[in-house]
C-alpha atoms as a PDB file:
ATOM      1  CA  MET A   1      69.735 117.614 115.200  1.00  0.00           C
ATOM      2  CA  ARG A   2      69.506 115.988 118.626  1.00  0.00           C
ATOM      3  CA  MET A   3      70.932 112.561 119.363  1.00  0.00           C
ATOM      4  CA  THR A   4      68.545 110.079 120.908  1.00  0.00           C
ATOM      5  CA  LEU A   5      69.368 108.156 124.063  1.00  0.00           C
ATOM      6  CA  ARG A   6      69.782 105.039 121.915  1.00  0.00           C
ATOM      7  CA  GLY A   7      72.246 106.911 119.647  1.00  0.00           C
ATOM      8  CA  LYS A   8      74.223 108.150 122.640  1.00  0.00           C
ATOM      9  CA  ARG A   9      74.433 104.631 124.027  1.00  0.00           C
ATOM     10  CA  PHE A  10      75.626 103.312 120.653  1.00  0.00           C
ATOM     11  CA  VAL A  11      78.366 105.962 120.396  1.00  0.00           C
ATOM     12  CA  GLY A  12      79.456 105.281 123.980  1.00  0.00           C
ATOM     13  CA  ALA A  13      79.498 101.512 123.407  1.00  0.00           C
ATOM     14  CA  ALA A  14      81.497 101.921 120.174  1.00  0.00           C
ATOM     15  CA  ALA A  15      84.055 104.133 121.925  1.00  0.00           C
ATOM     16  CA  LEU A  16      84.351 101.660 124.811  1.00  0.00           C
ATOM     17  CA  ALA A  17      84.738  98.721 122.390  1.00  0.00           C
ATOM     18  CA  ALA A  18      87.463 100.543 120.467  1.00  0.00           C
ATOM     19  CA  THR A  19      89.293 101.339 123.703  1.00  0.00           C
ATOM     20  CA  LEU A  20      89.070  97.760 124.953  1.00  0.00           C
ATOM     21  CA  ALA A  21      90.241  96.454 121.569  1.00  0.00           C
ATOM     22  CA  GLY A  22      93.288  98.715 121.718  1.00  0.00           C
ATOM     23  CA  ILE A  23      92.239 100.762 118.706  1.00  0.00           C
ATOM     24  CA  THR A  24      93.306 104.380 118.748  1.00  0.00           C
ATOM     25  CA  VAL A  25      90.427 106.723 117.965  1.00  0.00           C
ATOM     26  CA  TYR A  26      91.433 110.143 116.658  1.00  0.00           C
ATOM     27  CA  ALA A  27      89.189 113.103 117.281  1.00  0.00           C
ATOM     28  CA  SER A  28      90.667 115.545 114.750  1.00  0.00           C
ATOM     29  CA  PHE A  29      88.124 117.296 112.565  1.00  0.00           C
ATOM     30  CA  ASN A  30      88.606 117.344 108.797  1.00  0.00           C
ATOM     31  CA  GLU A  31      86.498 119.930 106.940  1.00  0.00           C
ATOM     32  CA  PRO A  32      86.700 119.824 103.119  1.00  0.00           C
ATOM     33  CA  ILE A  33      86.789 123.314 101.587  1.00  0.00           C
ATOM     34  CA  GLY A  34      86.657 122.253  97.962  1.00  0.00           C
ATOM     35  CA  SER A  35      87.956 119.848  95.359  1.00  0.00           C
ATOM     36  CA  GLY A  36      88.220 119.712  91.614  1.00  0.00           C
ATOM     37  CA  VAL A  37      89.789 117.823  88.744  1.00  0.00           C
ATOM     38  CA  MET A  38      92.530 119.199  86.517  1.00  0.00           C
ATOM     39  CA  ALA A  39      92.286 117.713  83.022  1.00  0.00           C
ATOM     40  CA  TYR A  40      96.091 117.659  82.795  1.00  0.00           C
ATOM     41  CA  SER A  41      98.772 118.160  85.440  1.00  0.00           C
ATOM     42  CA  GLU A  42     102.415 118.449  84.431  1.00  0.00           C
ATOM     43  CA  LEU A  43     103.280 117.012  87.841  1.00  0.00           C
ATOM     44  CA  PHE A  44     101.888 113.617  86.867  1.00  0.00           C
ATOM     45  CA  GLY A  45     101.545 113.774  83.087  1.00  0.00           C
ATOM     46  CA  GLY A  46      97.785 113.322  83.278  1.00  0.00           C
ATOM     47  CA  PRO A  47      94.650 114.271  85.174  1.00  0.00           C
ATOM     48  CA  ALA A  48      94.888 115.236  88.836  1.00  0.00           C
ATOM     49  CA  THR A  49      92.627 115.971  91.766  1.00  0.00           C
ATOM     50  CA  VAL A  50      93.158 119.152  93.805  1.00  0.00           C
ATOM     51  CA  LEU A  51      91.641 119.119  97.297  1.00  0.00           C
ATOM     52  CA  MET A  52      91.638 121.843  99.944  1.00  0.00           C
ATOM     53  CA  ARG A  53      90.656 121.232 103.557  1.00  0.00           C
ATOM     54  CA  ARG A  54      90.777 122.688 107.038  1.00  0.00           C
ATOM     55  CA  LEU A  55      92.088 120.298 109.682  1.00  0.00           C
ATOM     56  CA  THR A  56      91.565 120.851 113.410  1.00  0.00           C
ATOM     57  CA  ILE A  57      93.777 118.912 115.812  1.00  0.00           C
ATOM     58  CA  PHE A  58      92.502 119.160 119.355  1.00  0.00           C
ATOM     59  CA  GLN A  59      94.634 119.855 122.447  1.00  0.00           C
ATOM     60  CA  GLY A  60      96.803 116.883 123.393  1.00  0.00           C
ATOM     61  CA  GLU A  61      95.972 114.949 120.238  1.00  0.00           C
ATOM     62  CA  VAL A  62      98.583 112.985 118.295  1.00  0.00           C
ATOM     63  CA  LEU A  63      97.569 111.919 114.797  1.00  0.00           C
ATOM     64  CA  GLY A  64      98.398 108.490 113.404  1.00  0.00           C
ATOM     65  CA  TRP A  65     101.415 107.784 111.213  1.00  0.00           C
ATOM     66  CA  HIS A  66     100.739 108.528 107.550  1.00  0.00           C
ATOM     67  CA  TYR A  67     102.100 109.970 104.326  1.00  0.00           C
ATOM     68  CA  HIS A  68     100.731 111.996 101.440  1.00  0.00           C
ATOM     69  CA  PRO A  69     101.148 110.677  97.892  1.00  0.00           C
ATOM     70  CA  GLY A  70     101.220 112.924  94.847  1.00  0.00           C
ATOM     71  CA  ALA A  71     102.722 116.359  95.455  1.00  0.00           C
ATOM     72  CA  GLY A  72     102.550 116.063  99.258  1.00  0.00           C
ATOM     73  CA  ALA A  73     100.520 118.421 101.431  1.00  0.00           C
ATOM     74  CA  TYR A  74     100.946 122.201 101.301  1.00  0.00           C
ATOM     75  CA  THR A  75     100.079 123.292 104.831  1.00  0.00           C
ATOM     76  CA  ILE A  76      99.476 126.630 106.584  1.00  0.00           C
ATOM     77  CA  VAL A  77      99.091 126.779 110.360  1.00  0.00           C
ATOM     78  CA  THR A  78      96.232 129.224 110.943  1.00  0.00           C
ATOM     79  CA  GLN A  79      95.958 128.702 114.714  1.00  0.00           C
ATOM     80  CA  GLY A  80      98.097 127.180 117.444  1.00  0.00           C
ATOM     81  CA  THR A  81     101.409 125.372 117.416  1.00  0.00           C
ATOM     82  CA  LEU A  82     101.820 122.200 115.358  1.00  0.00           C
ATOM     83  CA  THR A  83     104.606 119.707 115.978  1.00  0.00           C
ATOM     84  CA  VAL A  84     105.354 117.393 113.053  1.00  0.00           C
ATOM     85  CA  GLU A  85     107.219 114.217 113.937  1.00  0.00           C
ATOM     86  CA  ASP A  86     109.074 112.631 111.046  1.00  0.00           C
ATOM     87  CA  GLY A  87     109.213 108.836 110.931  1.00  0.00           C
ATOM     88  CA  CYS A  88     113.014 109.115 110.956  1.00  0.00           C
ATOM     89  CA  GLY A  89     112.956 110.679 114.432  1.00  0.00           C
ATOM     90  CA  PHE A  90     113.037 114.405 113.704  1.00  0.00           C
ATOM     91  CA  GLU A  91     110.509 116.950 114.998  1.00  0.00           C
ATOM     92  CA  THR A  92     109.721 120.381 113.593  1.00  0.00           C
ATOM     93  CA  VAL A  93     107.502 122.976 115.268  1.00  0.00           C
ATOM     94  CA  TYR A  94     105.316 125.330 113.217  1.00  0.00           C
ATOM     95  CA  THR A  95     103.389 128.284 114.656  1.00  0.00           C
ATOM     96  CA  THR A  96     100.486 130.409 113.445  1.00  0.00           C
ATOM     97  CA  GLY A  97     101.222 131.953 110.063  1.00  0.00           C
ATOM     98  CA  GLN A  98     103.918 129.484 109.037  1.00  0.00           C
ATOM     99  CA  ALA A  99     103.529 127.463 105.849  1.00  0.00           C
ATOM    100  CA  PHE A 100     105.410 124.319 104.834  1.00  0.00           C
ATOM    101  CA  LEU A 101     105.335 121.299 102.544  1.00  0.00           C
ATOM    102  CA  GLU A 102     104.737 117.848 103.955  1.00  0.00           C
ATOM    103  CA  PRO A 103     106.987 116.108 101.397  1.00  0.00           C
ATOM    104  CA  PRO A 104     105.452 113.499  99.108  1.00  0.00           C
ATOM    105  CA  ASN A 105     105.454 109.986 100.555  1.00  0.00           C
ATOM    106  CA  ARG A 106     107.455 111.016 103.672  1.00  0.00           C
ATOM    107  CA  VAL A 107     106.114 109.262 106.783  1.00  0.00           C
ATOM    108  CA  HIS A 108     105.111 111.621 109.607  1.00  0.00           C
ATOM    109  CA  ARG A 109     102.428 112.483 112.159  1.00  0.00           C
ATOM    110  CA  GLY A 110     101.093 115.733 113.565  1.00  0.00           C
ATOM    111  CA  LYS A 111     100.926 116.521 117.275  1.00  0.00           C
ATOM    112  CA  ASN A 112      99.182 119.238 119.220  1.00  0.00           C
ATOM    113  CA  LEU A 113     101.255 119.656 122.362  1.00  0.00           C
ATOM    114  CA  GLY A 114      99.954 123.186 123.010  1.00  0.00           C
ATOM    115  CA  ALA A 115      97.199 124.741 125.081  1.00  0.00           C
ATOM    116  CA  THR A 116      94.901 125.582 122.127  1.00  0.00           C
ATOM    117  CA  ASP A 117      93.499 123.662 119.199  1.00  0.00           C
ATOM    118  CA  VAL A 118      95.676 123.601 116.080  1.00  0.00           C
ATOM    119  CA  ILE A 119      93.958 124.564 112.835  1.00  0.00           C
ATOM    120  CA  THR A 120      95.632 124.119 109.471  1.00  0.00           C
ATOM    121  CA  ALA A 121      94.639 124.843 105.883  1.00  0.00           C
ATOM    122  CA  GLN A 122      95.949 122.219 103.473  1.00  0.00           C
ATOM    123  CA  THR A 123      96.097 121.701  99.724  1.00  0.00           C
ATOM    124  CA  PHE A 124      96.710 118.317  98.101  1.00  0.00           C
ATOM    125  CA  ILE A 125      97.438 117.594  94.441  1.00  0.00           C
ATOM    126  CA  VAL A 126      97.322 113.888  93.549  1.00  0.00           C
ATOM    127  CA  PRO A 127      96.944 111.811  90.388  1.00  0.00           C
ATOM    128  CA  LEU A 128      93.263 111.288  89.608  1.00  0.00           C
ATOM    129  CA  GLY A 129      91.939 108.390  91.694  1.00  0.00           C
ATOM    130  CA  SER A 130      94.745 108.499  94.296  1.00  0.00           C
ATOM    131  CA  PRO A 131      94.131 109.117  98.002  1.00  0.00           C
ATOM    132  CA  THR A 132      95.420 112.293  99.654  1.00  0.00           C
ATOM    133  CA  SER A 133      96.713 110.372 102.670  1.00  0.00           C
ATOM    134  CA  VAL A 134      97.794 106.796 103.420  1.00  0.00           C
ATOM    135  CA  SER A 135      97.732 105.546 107.041  1.00  0.00           C
ATOM    136  CA  LEU A 136     100.444 103.289 108.453  1.00  0.00           C
ATOM    137  CA  SER A 137     100.596 101.153 111.589  1.00  0.00           C
ATOM    138  CA  GLY A 138     103.800 102.623 112.965  1.00  0.00           C
ATOM    139  CA  PRO A 139     106.706 104.957 112.402  1.00  0.00           C
ATOM    140  CA  LEU A 140     108.685 104.234 109.259  1.00  0.00           C
ATOM    141  CA  CYS A 141     111.641 106.233 107.994  1.00  0.00           C
ATOM    142  CA  GLY A 142     111.562 107.468 104.443  1.00  0.00           C
ATOM    143  CA  PRO A 143     111.717 107.834 101.639  1.00  0.00           C
ATOM    144  CA  PRO A 144     114.982 109.727 101.111  1.00  0.00           C
ATOM    145  CA  ALA A 145     114.420 113.095  99.439  1.00  0.00           C
ATOM    146  CA  THR A 146     117.934 113.862  98.184  1.00  0.00           C
ATOM    147  CA  VAL A 147     121.111 111.979  97.330  1.00  0.00           C
ATOM    148  CA  ASN A 148     122.694 113.620 100.391  1.00  0.00           C
ATOM    149  CA  ASP A 149     120.167 111.772 102.586  1.00  0.00           C
ATOM    150  CA  CYS A 150     121.878 108.555 101.468  1.00  0.00           C
ATOM    151  CA  LYS A 151     125.442 109.612 102.298  1.00  0.00           C
ATOM    152  CA  GLN A 152     127.486 108.960 105.461  1.00  0.00           C
ATOM    153  CA  GLY A 153     125.486 105.856 106.319  1.00  0.00           C
ATOM    154  CA  GLY A 154     122.132 107.639 106.013  1.00  0.00           C
ATOM    155  CA  TRP A 155     120.924 104.954 103.608  1.00  0.00           C
ATOM    156  CA  GLN A 156     120.848 102.515 106.554  1.00  0.00           C
ATOM    157  CA  ASN A 157     118.108 104.540 108.317  1.00  0.00           C
ATOM    158  CA  PHE A 158     115.437 104.152 105.637  1.00  0.00           C
ATOM    159  CA  ASN A 159     112.820 101.406 105.765  1.00  0.00           C
ATOM    160  CA  HIS A 160     110.044 103.018 103.683  1.00  0.00           C
ATOM    161  CA  PRO A 161     109.149 102.320 100.951  1.00  0.00           C
ATOM    162  CA  LEU A 162     111.983  99.786 101.069  1.00  0.00           C
ATOM    163  CA  VAL A 163     115.212  98.877 102.820  1.00  0.00           C
ATOM    164  CA  PHE A 164     118.319  99.807 100.834  1.00  0.00           C
ATOM    165  CA  GLU A 165     121.263  97.436 100.320  1.00  0.00           C
ATOM    166  CA  SER A 166     123.845 100.213  99.993  1.00  0.00           C
ATOM    167  CA  GLN A 167     124.387 103.932  99.541  1.00  0.00           C
ATOM    168  CA  GLY A 168     124.302 103.334  95.790  1.00  0.00           C
ATOM    169  CA  THR A 169     120.855 101.704  95.826  1.00  0.00           C
ATOM    170  CA  CYS A 170     119.563 104.561  97.991  1.00  0.00           C
ATOM    171  CA  GLU A 171     120.962 107.168  95.585  1.00  0.00           C
ATOM    172  CA  GLN A 172     119.502 105.254  92.615  1.00  0.00           C
ATOM    173  CA  TYR A 173     116.075 105.359  94.280  1.00  0.00           C
ATOM    174  CA  VAL A 174     116.319 109.154  94.730  1.00  0.00           C
ATOM    175  CA  ILE A 175     117.354 109.644  91.091  1.00  0.00           C
ATOM    176  CA  THR A 176     114.934 107.231  89.419  1.00  0.00           C
ATOM    177  CA  GLY A 177     112.194 106.611  91.980  1.00  0.00           C
ATOM    178  CA  LYS A 178     112.924 102.860  91.682  1.00  0.00           C
END
């Protein structure tokens, strides 16, 4: 399908408007592989959606801040080198053939700092009707994953999904989710 001159002008004008407005436009390519509904998932005590996708992150691209609800995102790097920046200030580098879990609700963003496109295969399991990803406007730290994350002043670092009053409130959140 060929784009008309009018279509090209519209796309160019939209890109220029977004740039002038200060809106970041991401070029990553998300290709759904398949999705289905589980009638019952023990993870959530009810129905769940399972979605698989291939995500391409182009050279030099930095994705926006986001998190994955549900069971998180099970990710395999199938090409390139992916840097994952955690909202708490940590970075982890994954290379072709490595698999990892993007923990549920943990704020992060992916970066392609390499010389080739990064391609990942991802699987999401979420409660039926929930999104697989939630975008945020900036880096946020959290939530804590273990009680140890709350110790030695660690509780003071978290500001997502809430700010904790003490180590005890942080530990309570880890144990109960509240």
